[in-house]
Protein backbone atom coordinates (compact mmCIF):
# COMPACT_ATOMS: atom_id res chain seq x y z
CA MET A 1 79.73 30.39 74.82
CA THR A 2 78.36 28.96 71.36
CA LEU A 3 77.98 31.39 68.71
CA ALA A 4 75.58 29.73 65.84
CA ASP A 5 74.93 30.86 62.48
CA VAL A 6 73.28 29.49 59.28
CA ASP A 7 76.53 30.76 57.85
CA GLU A 8 79.19 30.24 60.22
CA ARG A 9 81.97 32.35 58.89
CA LEU A 10 79.92 35.32 60.08
CA ALA A 11 80.08 33.53 64.00
CA ARG A 12 83.68 32.98 63.39
CA SER A 13 84.12 36.50 62.45
CA VAL A 14 82.39 37.64 65.94
CA ALA A 15 84.03 34.84 68.03
CA ALA A 16 88.02 35.96 66.57
CA ARG A 17 87.10 39.56 67.97
CA LEU A 18 86.10 38.35 71.54
CA GLY A 19 89.68 37.05 72.32
CA ALA A 20 88.87 34.33 74.34
CA PRO A 21 88.88 30.93 72.09
CA ALA A 22 89.15 28.61 74.91
CA LYS A 23 85.60 30.05 76.07
CA VAL A 24 83.68 30.53 72.47
CA THR A 25 82.77 27.82 69.86
CA THR A 26 80.90 28.42 66.36
CA GLN A 27 78.92 25.77 64.48
CA ALA A 28 76.52 25.94 61.58
CA LEU A 29 73.16 26.12 62.58
CA ASN A 30 69.74 26.59 60.14
CA ALA A 31 67.03 28.01 62.26
CA SER A 32 64.54 26.61 60.08
CA ASP A 33 65.16 22.97 61.08
CA PRO A 34 63.89 21.64 64.15
CA ALA A 35 65.97 18.52 64.77
CA ALA A 36 68.97 20.50 64.08
CA LEU A 37 67.75 23.32 66.81
CA GLU A 38 67.51 20.51 69.29
CA ALA A 39 70.69 18.71 69.04
CA ALA A 40 72.54 22.23 69.00
CA LEU A 41 70.68 23.47 72.11
CA ALA A 42 70.49 20.65 74.52
CA GLY A 43 72.34 20.87 77.69
CA VAL A 44 72.49 24.77 76.66
CA GLU A 45 71.40 26.64 79.64
CA VAL A 46 70.30 30.19 78.18
CA VAL A 47 69.79 30.71 74.28
CA VAL A 48 69.60 34.18 73.10
CA GLN A 49 67.83 34.31 69.56
CA ALA A 50 69.12 37.17 67.80
CA SER A 51 68.12 36.23 64.22
CA LEU A 52 65.19 37.26 62.39
CA PRO A 53 61.76 37.24 64.44
CA ARG A 54 60.42 34.73 62.15
CA PHE A 55 62.50 31.98 63.88
CA ASN A 56 61.18 32.75 67.07
CA ALA A 57 58.73 30.13 67.34
CA ALA A 58 60.83 27.21 65.95
CA ILE A 59 64.02 28.03 68.59
CA GLN A 60 61.15 28.47 71.53
CA ALA A 61 59.95 25.23 70.82
CA ALA A 62 63.49 23.58 70.65
CA CYS A 63 64.16 25.60 73.94
CA LEU A 64 61.12 24.00 75.26
CA SER A 65 61.80 20.56 74.15
CA VAL A 66 65.74 20.57 75.72
CA GLY A 67 64.74 22.73 78.43
CA ALA A 68 66.63 25.60 77.92
CA ASN A 69 66.05 29.29 78.87
CA TYR A 70 64.99 31.60 76.19
CA ILE A 71 65.54 35.61 75.22
CA ASP A 72 65.03 37.14 72.18
CA LEU A 73 65.26 40.46 70.64
CA ALA A 74 61.84 41.18 69.17
CA ALA A 75 58.58 39.36 69.13
CA ASP A 76 57.11 37.75 66.21
CA SER A 77 53.14 37.98 66.93
CA ILE A 78 50.56 39.89 68.48
CA ASP A 79 50.83 37.20 71.60
CA PRO A 80 53.98 36.01 72.21
CA TYR A 81 52.92 35.28 75.68
CA ALA A 82 50.54 32.50 74.61
CA ALA A 83 52.81 29.79 75.52
CA ASP A 84 53.03 31.18 79.20
CA GLY A 85 51.57 28.19 80.67
CA GLU A 86 53.81 25.74 79.04
CA TRP A 87 57.30 27.45 80.00
CA ARG A 88 55.60 27.71 83.91
CA ALA A 89 54.75 24.01 83.54
CA ARG A 90 58.55 23.31 82.58
CA GLY A 91 60.00 25.57 85.24
CA ARG A 92 61.95 27.61 82.24
CA ILE A 93 62.10 31.26 81.27
CA ALA A 94 61.29 32.86 78.44
CA LEU A 95 61.99 36.71 77.97
CA ILE A 96 60.76 38.24 75.35
CA GLY A 97 61.74 41.59 73.37
CA MET A 98 65.16 42.21 75.11
CA GLY A 99 67.19 44.43 72.88
CA GLU A 100 67.22 48.58 72.88
CA ASP A 101 63.45 48.82 71.96
CA PRO A 102 61.71 46.61 72.64
CA GLY A 103 63.95 45.72 75.96
CA LEU A 104 65.53 49.12 77.30
CA SER A 105 62.52 50.69 76.68
CA ASN A 106 60.09 48.60 78.34
CA VAL A 107 62.37 48.39 81.43
CA MET A 108 62.55 52.38 81.21
CA ALA A 109 58.69 52.61 81.01
CA ARG A 110 58.72 50.16 84.33
CA ARG A 111 61.13 52.54 86.37
CA SER A 112 59.00 55.61 85.77
CA ALA A 113 55.71 53.46 86.28
CA ASP A 114 56.96 52.55 89.80
CA GLY A 115 57.49 55.84 90.78
CA LEU A 116 53.98 56.77 89.96
CA ASP A 117 50.22 55.95 91.47
CA THR A 118 48.71 56.23 88.33
CA VAL A 119 50.03 56.21 84.69
CA GLN A 120 48.14 57.78 81.84
CA SER A 121 50.45 57.59 78.99
CA ILE A 122 53.36 56.18 77.78
CA ARG A 123 55.29 57.45 74.55
CA VAL A 124 58.38 55.91 73.17
CA ARG A 125 60.53 57.77 70.74
CA ASP A 126 63.65 56.29 68.86
CA GLY A 127 65.90 58.79 67.20
CA ASP A 128 69.18 59.04 64.94
CA THR A 129 71.21 61.25 63.16
CA ALA A 130 73.20 58.48 61.76
CA SER A 131 74.87 59.91 58.31
CA SER A 132 77.59 58.77 55.79
CA PRO A 133 78.92 60.70 52.50
CA ASP A 134 78.62 57.16 50.62
CA LEU A 135 75.33 55.85 51.74
CA ALA A 136 72.02 57.57 51.48
CA PHE A 137 69.52 54.80 52.69
CA LEU A 138 70.74 53.20 56.31
CA PRO A 139 68.74 50.77 57.79
CA LEU A 140 70.94 50.65 61.05
CA PHE A 141 68.88 47.34 62.11
CA SER A 142 67.97 44.37 60.36
CA PRO A 143 66.70 45.44 56.85
CA GLU A 144 64.05 42.47 56.68
CA THR A 145 62.52 44.03 60.07
CA PHE A 146 63.12 47.69 59.14
CA LEU A 147 60.98 47.37 55.94
CA GLU A 148 58.70 45.26 57.55
CA GLU A 149 58.08 47.55 60.47
CA THR A 150 58.03 50.88 58.72
CA LEU A 151 55.40 49.50 56.09
CA HIS A 152 52.99 47.58 58.08
CA VAL A 153 49.77 49.08 59.84
CA SER A 154 50.82 49.96 63.22
CA ARG A 155 48.77 49.98 66.55
CA ILE A 156 48.32 52.48 69.01
CA TRP A 157 46.51 52.18 72.36
CA ASP A 158 44.06 54.97 73.11
CA GLU A 159 41.64 55.24 75.41
CA GLY A 160 41.60 51.70 76.48
CA ARG A 161 41.45 50.28 73.06
CA TYR A 162 43.48 50.00 69.81
CA ARG A 163 43.29 51.92 66.95
CA ASP A 164 44.98 51.25 63.40
CA VAL A 165 47.52 53.55 62.00
CA PRO A 166 48.46 53.54 58.07
CA PRO A 167 52.50 53.58 57.67
CA PHE A 168 54.06 56.78 57.75
CA GLY A 169 50.82 58.10 59.86
CA ASP A 170 50.68 60.31 63.02
CA GLY A 171 53.57 61.83 62.46
CA GLU A 172 55.17 64.70 64.12
CA VAL A 173 58.27 66.57 64.99
CA TYR A 174 59.85 65.52 68.78
CA ASP A 175 62.25 67.63 70.36
CA PHE A 176 65.01 64.61 71.29
CA PRO A 177 67.56 65.87 74.29
CA ALA A 178 70.86 67.60 72.36
CA PRO A 179 72.73 67.15 70.51
CA VAL A 180 70.05 65.41 68.21
CA GLY A 181 67.38 68.04 68.58
CA PRO A 182 64.21 68.10 66.51
CA GLN A 183 63.32 65.09 64.39
CA LYS A 184 60.40 63.73 62.38
CA VAL A 185 58.74 60.80 63.71
CA TYR A 186 56.18 58.22 62.54
CA SER A 187 54.04 55.58 64.18
CA VAL A 188 55.23 52.01 63.72
CA ASP A 189 54.26 48.86 64.26
CA HIS A 190 56.07 47.80 67.86
CA GLU A 191 55.91 45.14 70.98
CA GLU A 192 55.86 47.92 73.55
CA VAL A 193 52.12 48.98 72.44
CA ASP A 194 51.03 45.35 72.95
CA SER A 195 52.83 44.73 76.12
CA PHE A 196 52.48 47.71 78.27
CA PRO A 197 48.82 47.88 78.80
CA ARG A 198 48.87 44.52 79.89
CA PHE A 199 51.76 44.27 82.07
CA ILE A 200 52.76 48.29 83.06
CA GLY A 201 49.16 48.15 84.01
CA LYS A 202 48.03 51.57 86.46
CA GLY A 203 45.16 52.61 84.25
CA VAL A 204 47.55 53.56 81.44
CA GLN A 205 45.52 55.07 78.52
CA TYR A 206 47.75 55.70 76.02
CA VAL A 207 50.70 54.05 74.67
CA ASP A 208 52.55 54.61 71.15
CA PHE A 209 55.97 53.90 69.48
CA LYS A 210 57.57 56.58 66.88
CA LEU A 211 60.50 56.17 64.63
CA ALA A 212 62.22 59.08 63.58
CA MET A 213 62.76 59.09 59.75
CA ASP A 214 63.79 61.87 57.85
CA ASP A 215 61.93 63.05 54.29
CA ALA A 216 64.77 60.99 51.99
CA THR A 217 64.01 57.79 54.24
CA VAL A 218 60.17 57.92 53.81
CA ARG A 219 60.13 58.30 50.13
CA THR A 220 62.85 55.81 49.53
CA LEU A 221 60.41 53.55 51.17
CA GLN A 222 57.38 54.73 49.59
CA THR A 223 59.02 54.23 46.07
CA LEU A 224 59.72 50.60 46.84
CA ARG A 225 56.25 50.04 47.67
CA ASP A 226 54.61 51.68 45.27
CA LEU A 227 56.86 50.18 42.22
CA ARG A 228 56.23 46.63 44.16
CA LEU A 229 59.97 46.63 44.38
CA LEU A 230 59.25 44.75 47.87
CA ASP A 231 57.00 41.94 46.46
CA ARG A 232 58.30 38.56 47.63
CA GLY A 233 56.75 36.42 44.76
CA THR A 234 56.79 32.37 45.05
CA PRO A 235 59.22 29.98 45.66
CA GLU A 236 58.76 29.11 42.15
CA ALA A 237 59.04 32.83 41.02
CA PRO A 238 60.49 34.92 43.63
CA GLY A 239 59.86 38.57 43.50
CA PRO A 240 62.30 41.64 43.53
CA TYR A 241 62.42 41.58 47.54
CA GLY A 242 65.24 39.33 48.21
CA ALA A 243 67.44 41.14 45.89
CA ILE A 244 66.15 44.63 47.24
CA VAL A 245 67.36 43.12 51.00
CA LYS A 246 70.49 41.99 49.32
CA ALA A 247 71.28 45.54 47.81
CA LEU A 248 70.83 47.42 51.28
CA PRO A 249 74.08 47.92 53.69
CA ARG A 250 74.27 45.30 56.03
CA PRO A 251 74.10 46.72 59.62
CA ALA A 252 77.01 44.96 60.76
CA ASP A 253 79.34 46.66 57.98
CA LEU A 254 78.64 50.18 59.10
CA ALA A 255 80.77 50.36 62.18
CA GLY A 256 83.09 52.87 61.65
CA LYS A 257 81.42 54.21 58.76
CA ILE A 258 78.88 56.29 59.99
CA ASP A 259 78.56 59.45 62.04
CA GLY A 260 75.62 60.71 64.13
CA VAL A 261 74.05 59.75 67.41
CA SER A 262 71.41 57.19 68.32
CA VAL A 263 68.79 58.41 71.02
CA LEU A 264 65.86 56.68 72.68
CA VAL A 265 63.15 58.48 74.99
CA VAL A 266 60.53 57.08 77.01
CA GLU A 267 58.02 59.63 78.52
CA THR A 268 55.74 58.53 81.12
CA LYS A 269 52.77 60.60 82.30
CA GLY A 270 50.57 60.21 85.12
CA GLU A 271 50.18 61.04 88.82
CA LYS A 272 51.98 61.03 92.54
CA GLY A 273 50.26 61.96 95.40
CA GLY A 274 47.56 63.74 93.40
CA HIS A 275 49.76 65.73 91.32
CA PRO A 276 50.44 65.31 87.72
CA VAL A 277 53.88 63.86 86.48
CA ILE A 278 55.66 64.16 83.19
CA GLU A 279 58.84 61.61 83.46
CA THR A 280 61.28 61.58 80.40
CA LEU A 281 63.96 58.86 80.49
CA SER A 282 66.64 59.22 78.19
CA THR A 283 69.69 57.24 76.52
CA MET A 284 72.01 57.95 73.63
CA LEU A 285 75.06 57.09 72.21
CA SER A 286 77.60 58.02 69.15
CA HIS A 287 78.14 55.64 66.29
CA ARG A 288 81.94 56.72 66.42
CA LYS A 289 82.12 55.80 69.95
CA ALA A 290 80.44 52.47 70.11
CA SER A 291 82.71 51.94 67.11
CA GLU A 292 85.60 52.61 68.65
CA LEU A 293 85.13 51.02 71.68
CA TYR A 294 82.94 48.02 70.80
CA HIS A 295 83.57 47.68 67.12
CA VAL A 296 79.76 47.84 66.38
CA THR A 297 77.26 50.76 65.60
CA ALA A 298 75.26 52.55 68.48
CA VAL A 299 72.27 50.94 67.39
CA ALA A 300 73.86 47.24 67.83
CA TYR A 301 75.29 48.21 71.31
CA LEU A 302 72.28 49.30 72.22
CA THR A 303 70.30 46.32 71.30
CA GLY A 304 72.62 43.80 72.09
CA THR A 305 74.04 45.12 75.63
CA PRO A 306 70.32 44.57 77.34
CA ALA A 307 69.87 41.04 76.21
CA ALA A 308 73.85 40.38 77.55
CA MET A 309 72.44 41.71 80.73
CA ALA A 310 69.61 39.73 80.64
CA VAL A 311 72.02 36.78 80.42
CA LEU A 312 74.06 37.83 83.26
CA GLN A 313 70.94 37.83 85.54
CA MET A 314 69.27 34.88 84.46
CA LEU A 315 72.38 32.91 85.03
CA GLY A 316 72.72 34.61 88.43
CA GLY A 317 69.51 34.00 89.48
CA THR A 318 67.97 37.23 89.60
CA ILE A 319 65.57 36.33 87.13
CA ARG A 320 64.20 33.20 88.22
CA THR A 321 60.07 33.10 87.75
CA PRO A 322 59.31 30.65 85.06
CA GLY A 323 56.93 31.85 82.40
CA VAL A 324 57.12 33.96 79.30
CA HIS A 325 57.86 37.22 80.34
CA PRO A 326 58.14 41.01 78.61
CA ALA A 327 61.28 43.17 79.45
CA GLU A 328 59.26 45.60 81.94
CA ALA A 329 59.26 42.31 84.14
CA LEU A 330 62.69 43.07 85.34
CA ASP A 331 63.62 45.20 88.44
CA PRO A 332 65.14 48.35 86.85
CA ALA A 333 67.32 49.01 89.68
CA PRO A 334 70.29 46.50 89.14
CA PHE A 335 69.50 46.62 85.35
CA PHE A 336 70.64 50.04 85.11
CA SER A 337 73.40 49.59 87.51
CA MET A 338 74.54 47.19 84.88
CA LEU A 339 74.04 49.05 81.81
CA ARG A 340 76.03 52.01 83.43
CA GLU A 341 78.95 49.88 83.90
CA ARG A 342 78.89 49.40 80.21
CA GLY A 343 78.63 52.44 79.16
CA ILE A 344 75.00 52.79 78.63
CA VAL A 345 73.89 55.70 81.19
CA VAL A 346 70.09 56.52 81.29
CA ARG A 347 69.10 59.74 82.33
CA ALA A 348 65.74 61.27 84.15
CA ARG A 349 63.75 64.45 84.00
CA ARG A 350 61.19 65.31 86.30
CA THR A 351 62.45 68.99 87.52
CA ALA A 352 65.87 68.52 86.89
CA GLU A 353 68.15 66.01 84.91
CA GLN A 354 70.11 62.89 86.63
CA GLU A 355 72.04 59.81 85.99
CA LEU A 356 70.38 56.76 87.00
CA THR A 357 72.73 54.67 89.03
CA GLY A 358 70.26 51.95 90.58
């Protein structure tokens, strides 16, 4: 395994925690340098793109050029599957959005849809009770991605067409499984809304994604926007955006410093044998447990583990069809078994709650 980062010190710090110096190397790599990417990826079988989504296109191009398979954690365009023909022609695989959500959420939706004759709606809900006595504003994943998602117009698939939703729109109070409970959630721009109508099928008429944000978080985001503190400016005259992002806590530094629980819910409504069915799949992990066991936050573990499982399946030949695929293309049964072995338990509720072991 090779860990690469524009700042090699970060890659080295991760490698040191793995305790396998004979198997892990590090290198400095600028993902905006096409020549450097191709040189670094030559001879690599699977590349996991875990940096910012804006580097997806460059890394995908390098993978195609050198013949490497590709996995990322989030998409950076409305149609990340446009190059499917090129990947199929090269006999290589690109798995798009293979983190927590998108990623685990997609496989959960696929599992529920497989058990239904028709699908009416799929609702994805991401909740968290993270707290810290020292930090009032807690982006639990990339601050740049968090700001972009929450302050961008989102879309909902409704009655077979898309409709736009303004930032902090379509708010509601969603009752997450205990111990999280009711939280305010808002529509957020997310990949599942684009891929589910296209790949889940079965007549799905409604898809949305909503993220939990408390009142203080919403006010902070609105203030940053309204005061134009997120203006990027130009290379010659940079705006305040860069300084704001640098001032926010780095998610990698939050392990062991926050309490609370991260929870993901996928609620699928449809019909089976002519009868209406609502199936709710959920998984949760506490930040303290994730820190004690894996030295990361719950969000980091729930994001990285699905990608790692996809790597193992790709190397083992379970994922073998060339082309560009969403996470819902994966077979849920072996995927859930692998997750459970690594401490991520997905529970299903129709009439009674049960653990998914396959």
